[in-house]
Amino acid sequence: MVLRPFRFGVTAPTVLSGRAWVERVRRIEQLGYSIVHVPDHFRDQLAPVPALTAAAVATTRLRVGSLVFSNDFRHPVVLAKEAATLDVLSGGRFELGLGSGWLREEYDQAGIPFDAPGTRIDRLVESVAILKGLLAGERVAFTGRHYAIAGLPGRPHPVQRPHPPILIGGGGRRTLSLAAREASIVGLVPRARRDGGGLDRADFGEAALRQKVEWVRAAAGDRLEALELHALIQAVVVSDRRTATEQLASRFTVPPELLFESPYVLAGTVDEICETLRQRRERYGISYLTVFDRDLEAFAPVVAQLAGK
């Protein structure tokens, strides 16, 4: 794979006042991060579309993106219009992150059927085809198992052509293969448990990452060099590596040796973390990383050393 320059983002699910949100995204921009992400949950967090719009208006360089929209929460026609509008209002700084949905608790609380993984991914496959057509400004006619679109034109036209960059995130073979075939950015995350109860902690290790990257390479074909690989970092601890890893192992209730090699946590001094990221880029092609809001200040020295390099 092509070794792309590093870029970094922050995912910010925290509920803040309007003023505090503006201050936060401006701080993220000031520290050299390239993008702020908002997740899509029914928990105590800001809704992604208005939050991203406010972030775009408050900044000049910072990109804005969803990490990720749950496909089952919006019809793709509605999401296409919102995505195009976000791209227009941000002046072409929007990235569209998509996923099939994974947390059963919020489905149940909202009264949305939590179908089997295969069904949810089937819907996502159809949705991606519809979204790409509408965002390209086409008149879309589509008949599938889950959606039927009868000659609807895509409006407004986004600034980025043919459409904003699409990130598809997931931990299983089918979703990652879809991302490799259809997305600009492949989002690597630990696999969700089949019962929808959270993330599979056993999927945190390097062997699991190696398998995911192989799935992506096999499915991408001649698209491989055009893909950007992304990882969502679950935690950052800047400290002595062994002590930091033991702290994280206690937090995540997994063995320290698994977290020591995990691509989803970063532990060590700033220089050690930088070297780890260089090695992972060389080995797996991962150049785009997002940290949680709670870690943005601790991770900032890494951003200062590696962003754009």
Protein backbone atom coordinates (compact mmCIF):
# COMPACT_ATOMS: atom_id res chain seq x y z
CA MET A 1 0.00 0.00 0.00
CA VAL A 2 1.02 3.61 -0.54
CA LEU A 3 2.37 5.16 2.69
CA ARG A 4 0.21 8.23 3.09
CA PRO A 5 1.12 11.22 5.30
CA PHE A 6 -0.26 11.01 8.82
CA ARG A 7 -3.41 12.86 9.70
CA PHE A 8 -5.29 12.90 12.98
CA GLY A 9 -8.80 13.51 14.24
CA VAL A 10 -10.75 13.87 17.46
CA THR A 11 -14.12 12.28 18.14
CA ALA A 12 -16.10 14.49 20.49
CA PRO A 13 -19.29 12.93 21.90
CA THR A 14 -19.49 15.18 24.94
CA VAL A 15 -22.55 17.39 25.44
CA LEU A 16 -21.35 20.99 25.66
CA SER A 17 -22.99 24.38 25.56
CA GLY A 18 -22.87 26.18 22.23
CA ARG A 19 -20.01 28.41 23.38
CA ALA A 20 -18.05 25.50 24.85
CA TRP A 21 -18.49 23.46 21.66
CA VAL A 22 -17.12 26.33 19.56
CA GLU A 23 -14.16 26.71 21.92
CA ARG A 24 -13.49 22.96 21.79
CA VAL A 25 -13.45 22.66 18.01
CA ARG A 26 -11.27 25.76 17.68
CA ARG A 27 -8.84 24.19 20.16
CA ILE A 28 -8.81 20.99 18.10
CA GLU A 29 -7.98 23.03 15.01
CA GLN A 30 -5.30 25.01 16.87
CA LEU A 31 -3.55 21.82 18.00
CA GLY A 32 -3.10 20.66 14.41
CA TYR A 33 -5.72 17.96 14.15
CA SER A 34 -7.21 17.73 10.67
CA ILE A 35 -10.79 16.74 11.54
CA VAL A 36 -13.38 16.65 14.31
CA HIS A 37 -15.75 13.69 14.33
CA VAL A 38 -19.11 13.30 16.03
CA PRO A 39 -20.52 9.80 16.66
CA ASP A 40 -24.16 8.83 16.11
CA HIS A 41 -25.82 7.48 19.24
CA PHE A 42 -28.91 8.15 21.30
CA ARG A 43 -26.77 8.58 24.39
CA ASP A 44 -26.04 11.86 26.16
CA GLN A 45 -24.27 13.52 23.23
CA LEU A 46 -24.78 16.23 20.65
CA ALA A 47 -26.66 15.25 17.50
CA PRO A 48 -24.11 14.89 14.69
CA VAL A 49 -25.57 17.03 11.89
CA PRO A 50 -26.13 20.31 13.81
CA ALA A 51 -22.95 19.79 15.84
CA LEU A 52 -20.86 19.33 12.70
CA THR A 53 -22.50 22.33 11.05
CA ALA A 54 -21.64 24.51 14.04
CA ALA A 55 -18.06 23.16 14.04
CA ALA A 56 -17.64 23.98 10.36
CA VAL A 57 -18.93 27.52 10.81
CA ALA A 58 -16.64 28.10 13.81
CA THR A 59 -13.44 26.99 12.05
CA THR A 60 -11.61 27.66 8.79
CA ARG A 61 -9.36 24.66 8.12
CA LEU A 62 -10.76 21.85 10.26
CA ARG A 63 -12.62 19.12 8.44
CA VAL A 64 -15.80 17.71 9.97
CA GLY A 65 -17.11 14.16 9.82
CA SER A 66 -19.38 11.49 11.21
CA LEU A 67 -17.78 8.53 12.95
CA VAL A 68 -20.07 6.96 12.02
CA PHE A 69 -23.70 7.49 11.00
CA SER A 70 -25.67 4.39 11.88
CA ASN A 71 -27.37 3.34 8.67
CA ASP A 72 -30.51 2.15 10.45
CA PHE A 73 -31.22 5.54 12.02
CA ARG A 74 -31.82 7.41 8.73
CA HIS A 75 -33.17 6.64 5.30
CA PRO A 76 -30.31 7.05 2.76
CA VAL A 77 -32.29 9.71 0.86
CA VAL A 78 -32.49 11.83 4.02
CA LEU A 79 -28.83 11.22 4.84
CA ALA A 80 -27.72 12.11 1.30
CA LYS A 81 -29.40 15.49 1.53
CA GLU A 82 -27.92 16.17 4.97
CA ALA A 83 -24.45 15.10 3.82
CA ALA A 84 -24.57 17.29 0.72
CA THR A 85 -25.78 20.23 2.79
CA LEU A 86 -22.98 19.75 5.31
CA ASP A 87 -20.46 19.73 2.49
CA VAL A 88 -21.91 22.94 1.04
CA LEU A 89 -22.02 24.76 4.39
CA SER A 90 -18.48 23.66 5.30
CA GLY A 91 -17.05 24.71 1.95
CA GLY A 92 -16.09 21.14 1.05
CA ARG A 93 -14.72 20.00 4.43
CA PHE A 94 -17.12 17.14 5.18
CA GLU A 95 -16.34 13.41 5.42
CA LEU A 96 -19.21 10.92 5.45
CA GLY A 97 -18.65 8.04 7.85
CA LEU A 98 -21.07 5.10 7.67
CA GLY A 99 -21.65 1.90 9.60
CA SER A 100 -24.29 -0.78 9.87
CA GLY A 101 -25.09 -0.07 13.55
CA TRP A 102 -23.94 -2.27 16.41
CA LEU A 103 -25.20 -1.31 19.89
CA ARG A 104 -28.37 -3.25 20.62
CA GLU A 105 -29.30 -1.33 23.78
CA GLU A 106 -30.01 1.90 21.90
CA TYR A 107 -31.95 0.09 19.19
CA ASP A 108 -34.17 -1.48 21.85
CA GLN A 109 -34.63 1.79 23.72
CA ALA A 110 -35.58 3.61 20.51
CA GLY A 111 -37.91 0.85 19.28
CA ILE A 112 -35.81 0.17 16.17
CA PRO A 113 -35.58 -3.51 15.19
CA PHE A 114 -32.10 -4.90 15.78
CA ASP A 115 -31.85 -7.34 12.92
CA ALA A 116 -29.19 -9.99 12.42
CA PRO A 117 -25.76 -8.69 11.33
CA GLY A 118 -26.22 -9.98 7.78
CA THR A 119 -29.47 -8.06 7.37
CA ARG A 120 -28.00 -4.84 8.75
CA ILE A 121 -25.04 -5.13 6.39
CA ASP A 122 -27.38 -5.88 3.46
CA ARG A 123 -29.12 -2.57 4.19
CA LEU A 124 -25.80 -0.78 4.37
CA VAL A 125 -24.75 -2.17 0.98
CA GLU A 126 -27.93 -0.81 -0.61
CA SER A 127 -27.63 2.49 1.22
CA VAL A 128 -24.07 3.07 -0.01
CA ALA A 129 -25.18 2.62 -3.62
CA ILE A 130 -28.04 5.10 -3.17
CA LEU A 131 -25.91 7.65 -1.33
CA LYS A 132 -23.14 7.61 -3.91
CA GLY A 133 -25.63 8.13 -6.71
CA LEU A 134 -27.48 10.99 -5.02
CA LEU A 135 -24.29 12.72 -3.86
CA ALA A 136 -22.96 12.54 -7.42
CA GLY A 137 -26.04 14.50 -8.52
CA GLU A 138 -27.58 11.61 -10.39
CA ARG A 139 -31.28 10.88 -10.77
CA VAL A 140 -31.40 7.65 -8.80
CA ALA A 141 -33.71 4.77 -9.61
CA PHE A 142 -33.06 1.84 -7.30
CA THR A 143 -35.01 -1.23 -6.30
CA GLY A 144 -33.55 -3.47 -3.63
CA ARG A 145 -34.69 -5.66 -0.81
CA HIS A 146 -34.72 -2.78 1.69
CA TYR A 147 -35.02 0.47 -0.32
CA ALA A 148 -36.82 1.60 -3.46
CA ILE A 149 -35.98 4.96 -5.04
CA ALA A 150 -38.04 6.13 -8.02
CA GLY A 151 -35.97 8.54 -10.10
CA LEU A 152 -35.06 11.00 -7.33
CA PRO A 153 -32.45 13.64 -8.28
CA GLY A 154 -29.59 14.31 -5.89
CA ARG A 155 -29.76 17.90 -4.63
CA PRO A 156 -27.97 20.01 -3.54
CA HIS A 157 -24.67 19.19 -5.23
CA PRO A 158 -21.83 18.83 -2.71
CA VAL A 159 -18.69 20.91 -3.17
CA GLN A 160 -16.44 17.83 -3.27
CA ARG A 161 -16.88 15.85 -6.46
CA PRO A 162 -18.07 13.32 -7.25
CA HIS A 163 -19.00 13.20 -3.56
CA PRO A 164 -17.45 13.84 -0.12
CA PRO A 165 -14.96 11.18 1.00
CA ILE A 166 -16.79 8.15 2.35
CA LEU A 167 -15.50 6.23 5.35
CA ILE A 168 -17.03 2.83 6.05
CA GLY A 169 -16.11 1.45 9.45
CA GLY A 170 -16.38 -2.05 10.84
CA GLY A 171 -14.65 -5.02 12.36
CA GLY A 172 -15.94 -7.95 10.32
CA ARG A 173 -14.95 -9.32 6.94
CA ARG A 174 -18.09 -8.38 5.04
CA THR A 175 -18.18 -4.73 6.16
CA LEU A 176 -14.45 -4.23 5.60
CA SER A 177 -14.73 -5.81 2.16
CA LEU A 178 -17.55 -3.40 1.33
CA ALA A 179 -15.36 -0.53 2.50
CA ALA A 180 -12.48 -1.75 0.34
CA ARG A 181 -14.71 -1.84 -2.74
CA GLU A 182 -16.78 1.32 -2.24
CA ALA A 183 -15.22 3.75 0.26
CA SER A 184 -12.38 6.24 0.15
CA ILE A 185 -11.43 5.46 3.76
CA VAL A 186 -11.55 2.09 5.54
CA GLY A 187 -12.31 2.43 9.26
CA LEU A 188 -10.75 -0.33 11.37
CA VAL A 189 -12.37 -1.01 14.74
CA PRO A 190 -12.63 -4.02 17.06
CA ARG A 191 -15.43 -6.37 16.04
CA ALA A 192 -18.80 -5.85 17.73
CA ARG A 193 -20.22 -8.75 19.70
CA ARG A 194 -22.93 -10.60 17.81
CA ASP A 195 -25.44 -9.94 20.60
CA GLY A 196 -24.96 -6.18 20.18
CA GLY A 197 -23.68 -5.83 23.74
CA GLY A 198 -20.49 -3.93 22.94
CA LEU A 199 -17.06 -4.53 21.48
CA ASP A 200 -15.35 -7.92 21.46
CA ARG A 201 -12.31 -7.39 23.67
CA ALA A 202 -10.67 -10.49 22.19
CA ASP A 203 -10.53 -8.61 18.86
CA PHE A 204 -8.15 -5.94 20.22
CA GLY A 205 -4.89 -7.70 19.30
CA GLU A 206 -2.45 -7.43 16.42
CA ALA A 207 -3.37 -10.80 14.94
CA ALA A 208 -6.96 -9.61 14.49
CA LEU A 209 -5.73 -6.40 12.84
CA ARG A 210 -3.53 -8.38 10.47
CA GLN A 211 -6.55 -10.43 9.41
CA LYS A 212 -8.66 -7.30 8.84
CA VAL A 213 -6.00 -5.71 6.65
CA GLU A 214 -5.76 -8.92 4.60
CA TRP A 215 -9.52 -8.83 4.03
CA VAL A 216 -9.23 -5.24 2.85
CA ARG A 217 -6.36 -6.02 0.50
CA ALA A 218 -8.14 -9.02 -0.98
CA ALA A 219 -11.36 -7.08 -1.63
CA ALA A 220 -9.78 -3.85 -2.86
CA GLY A 221 -8.07 -5.21 -5.95
CA ASP A 222 -6.70 -2.36 -8.04
CA ARG A 223 -8.34 0.17 -5.68
CA LEU A 224 -5.86 -0.62 -2.91
CA GLU A 225 -3.49 2.29 -3.50
CA ALA A 226 -6.39 4.75 -3.46
CA LEU A 227 -7.56 3.69 -0.01
CA GLU A 228 -6.77 5.45 3.25
CA LEU A 229 -6.75 3.23 6.36
CA HIS A 230 -8.14 4.66 9.59
CA ALA A 231 -8.10 3.41 13.18
CA LEU A 232 -10.17 4.66 16.11
CA ILE A 233 -7.90 4.79 19.16
CA GLN A 234 -9.81 3.76 22.26
CA ALA A 235 -7.34 5.25 24.75
CA VAL A 236 -4.04 7.14 24.95
CA VAL A 237 -1.74 7.15 27.99
CA VAL A 238 1.50 9.12 27.73
CA SER A 239 3.74 7.60 30.40
CA ASP A 240 6.14 4.75 30.99
CA ARG A 241 4.93 2.12 28.52
CA ARG A 242 4.72 -0.84 30.89
CA THR A 243 2.88 1.11 33.60
CA ALA A 244 0.55 2.71 31.09
CA THR A 245 -0.27 -0.65 29.50
CA GLU A 246 -1.09 -2.19 32.88
CA GLN A 247 -3.43 0.73 33.64
CA LEU A 248 -5.21 0.25 30.33
CA ALA A 249 -5.44 -3.50 30.82
CA SER A 250 -7.29 -2.88 34.09
CA ARG A 251 -9.61 -0.38 32.38
CA PHE A 252 -10.46 -2.68 29.47
CA THR A 253 -10.32 -5.95 31.47
CA VAL A 254 -8.01 -7.67 28.99
CA PRO A 255 -4.50 -9.10 29.49
CA PRO A 256 -1.68 -6.52 29.40
CA GLU A 257 0.15 -8.44 26.66
CA LEU A 258 -2.89 -8.09 24.38
CA LEU A 259 -3.08 -4.33 24.90
CA PHE A 260 0.68 -3.93 24.56
CA GLU A 261 0.36 -4.90 20.87
CA SER A 262 -3.16 -3.53 20.30
CA PRO A 263 -3.62 -1.10 17.40
CA TYR A 264 -6.51 0.53 19.28
CA VAL A 265 -4.60 1.87 22.29
CA LEU A 266 -1.43 3.95 22.51
CA ALA A 267 0.79 3.81 25.58
CA GLY A 268 4.29 5.12 26.17
CA THR A 269 6.30 8.28 25.87
CA VAL A 270 5.59 10.67 22.99
CA ASP A 271 8.63 9.37 21.10
CA GLU A 272 7.62 5.75 21.69
CA ILE A 273 4.09 6.41 20.45
CA CYS A 274 5.44 8.16 17.35
CA GLU A 275 7.68 5.21 16.58
CA THR A 276 4.81 2.77 17.12
CA LEU A 277 2.65 4.69 14.64
CA ARG A 278 5.45 4.78 12.06
CA GLN A 279 5.90 1.02 12.39
CA ARG A 280 2.18 0.34 12.02
CA ARG A 281 1.98 2.57 8.97
CA GLU A 282 4.89 0.68 7.42
CA ARG A 283 3.42 -2.72 8.27
CA TYR A 284 -0.30 -2.15 7.72
CA GLY A 285 -0.73 1.18 5.92
CA ILE A 286 -2.63 2.89 8.76
CA SER A 287 -2.00 6.64 8.48
CA TYR A 288 -5.26 8.20 9.71
CA LEU A 289 -6.03 7.99 13.42
CA THR A 290 -8.76 9.43 15.61
CA VAL A 291 -8.56 9.79 19.39
CA PHE A 292 -11.35 10.50 21.84
CA ASP A 293 -11.90 14.03 23.13
CA ARG A 294 -10.59 13.11 26.59
CA ASP A 295 -7.16 12.36 25.03
CA LEU A 296 -6.83 15.31 22.65
CA GLU A 297 -4.41 17.30 24.82
CA ALA A 298 -2.25 14.32 25.79
CA PHE A 299 -1.99 13.23 22.16
CA ALA A 300 -1.27 16.73 20.80
CA PRO A 301 2.56 16.39 20.99
CA VAL A 302 2.31 13.32 18.73
CA VAL A 303 0.20 15.32 16.29
CA ALA A 304 2.82 18.09 16.34
CA GLN A 305 5.56 15.61 15.42
CA LEU A 306 3.79 13.50 12.79
CA ALA A 307 0.92 15.38 11.13
CA GLY A 308 1.49 15.71 7.41
CA LYS A 309 4.69 13.60 7.47
